[in-house]
């Protein structure tokens, strides 16, 4: 296969988890740091937000809920926009 699938790929410098995308597809001839250093670009990136159903309380530790806050969604959207704006063509 000409591509690799990676999770938690850093796309900006900073605190590790806050600057990573959840899923990325990159060419086999790239190192993961090449995307961060703008020496190459990812073919595809995805960021996921997940909020379990209240009906699953028996399966999930209640102290884990809520998982997603709207401010986090806005921060992720802004981060992905910066990544697209600065991408290597």
Protein backbone atom coordinates (compact mmCIF):
# COMPACT_ATOMS: atom_id res chain seq x y z
CA UNK A 1 0.00 0.00 0.00
CA UNK A 2 1.34 3.48 -0.80
CA UNK A 3 -0.10 5.03 2.39
CA UNK A 4 -0.02 4.60 6.16
CA UNK A 5 -2.76 5.35 8.67
CA UNK A 6 -1.62 7.05 11.87
CA UNK A 7 -3.43 8.14 15.00
CA UNK A 8 -2.57 11.24 17.07
CA UNK A 9 -0.42 12.82 14.35
CA UNK A 10 1.00 16.19 15.49
CA UNK A 11 0.13 18.98 13.05
CA UNK A 12 1.27 21.97 15.14
CA UNK A 13 3.99 22.59 17.70
CA UNK A 14 2.75 22.72 21.28
CA UNK A 15 1.22 20.46 23.93
CA UNK A 16 1.03 16.94 22.47
CA UNK A 17 -2.67 16.06 22.60
CA UNK A 18 -3.94 19.52 21.76
CA UNK A 19 -2.03 19.71 18.47
CA UNK A 20 -2.72 16.24 17.10
CA UNK A 21 -5.36 15.01 14.70
CA UNK A 22 -7.16 11.82 15.62
CA UNK A 23 -6.54 10.07 12.31
CA UNK A 24 -4.21 10.83 9.41
CA UNK A 25 -3.28 9.14 6.15
CA UNK A 26 0.23 9.92 4.88
CA UNK A 27 2.38 8.63 2.06
CA UNK A 28 4.83 5.84 2.89
CA UNK A 29 7.73 8.04 1.76
CA UNK A 30 6.99 10.58 4.53
CA UNK A 31 7.93 10.48 8.18
CA UNK A 32 5.28 11.67 10.62
CA UNK A 33 7.46 14.67 11.56
CA UNK A 34 7.54 15.74 7.87
CA UNK A 35 3.91 16.84 8.13
CA UNK A 36 4.64 18.86 11.28
CA UNK A 37 7.69 20.49 9.64
CA UNK A 38 5.72 21.17 6.42
CA UNK A 39 8.09 19.03 4.34
CA UNK A 40 5.07 17.07 3.13
CA UNK A 41 1.35 16.91 3.65
CA UNK A 42 -1.17 14.42 4.86
CA UNK A 43 -3.52 13.00 2.27
CA UNK A 44 -6.37 12.96 4.77
CA UNK A 45 -6.89 14.03 8.38
CA UNK A 46 -9.90 13.54 10.63
CA UNK A 47 -10.86 14.82 14.04
CA UNK A 48 -13.61 13.01 15.94
CA UNK A 49 -15.82 14.10 18.79
CA UNK A 50 -17.72 11.46 20.69
CA UNK A 51 -20.34 11.82 23.35
CA UNK A 52 -21.74 8.54 24.68
CA UNK A 53 -25.46 8.15 25.07
CA UNK A 54 -26.87 8.69 28.54
CA UNK A 55 -28.45 5.25 28.05
CA UNK A 56 -24.97 3.69 28.30
CA UNK A 57 -24.35 4.82 31.91
CA UNK A 58 -23.97 1.21 33.03
CA UNK A 59 -21.09 0.71 30.56
CA UNK A 60 -19.25 4.00 31.09
CA UNK A 61 -17.88 5.52 34.27
CA UNK A 62 -20.25 8.39 35.03
CA UNK A 63 -17.37 10.66 36.08
CA UNK A 64 -16.24 10.57 32.42
CA UNK A 65 -19.40 12.40 31.27
CA UNK A 66 -19.80 14.82 29.63
CA UNK A 67 -16.90 14.08 27.30
CA UNK A 68 -17.14 16.96 24.82
CA UNK A 69 -17.53 20.66 25.49
CA UNK A 70 -18.50 23.07 22.73
CA UNK A 71 -15.36 25.19 23.32
CA UNK A 72 -13.23 22.13 22.49
CA UNK A 73 -15.10 21.67 19.23
CA UNK A 74 -14.43 25.31 18.28
CA UNK A 75 -10.72 24.98 19.20
CA UNK A 76 -10.40 21.84 17.06
CA UNK A 77 -12.10 23.52 14.11
CA UNK A 78 -9.75 26.50 14.38
CA UNK A 79 -6.69 24.22 14.62
CA UNK A 80 -7.72 22.26 11.53
CA UNK A 81 -8.34 25.53 9.65
CA UNK A 82 -4.81 26.71 10.56
CA UNK A 83 -3.42 23.40 9.33
CA UNK A 84 -5.24 23.68 5.99
CA UNK A 85 -4.22 27.34 5.58
CA UNK A 86 -0.54 26.45 6.17
CA UNK A 87 -0.46 23.19 4.23
CA UNK A 88 2.24 22.32 1.74
CA UNK A 89 1.00 22.39 -1.84
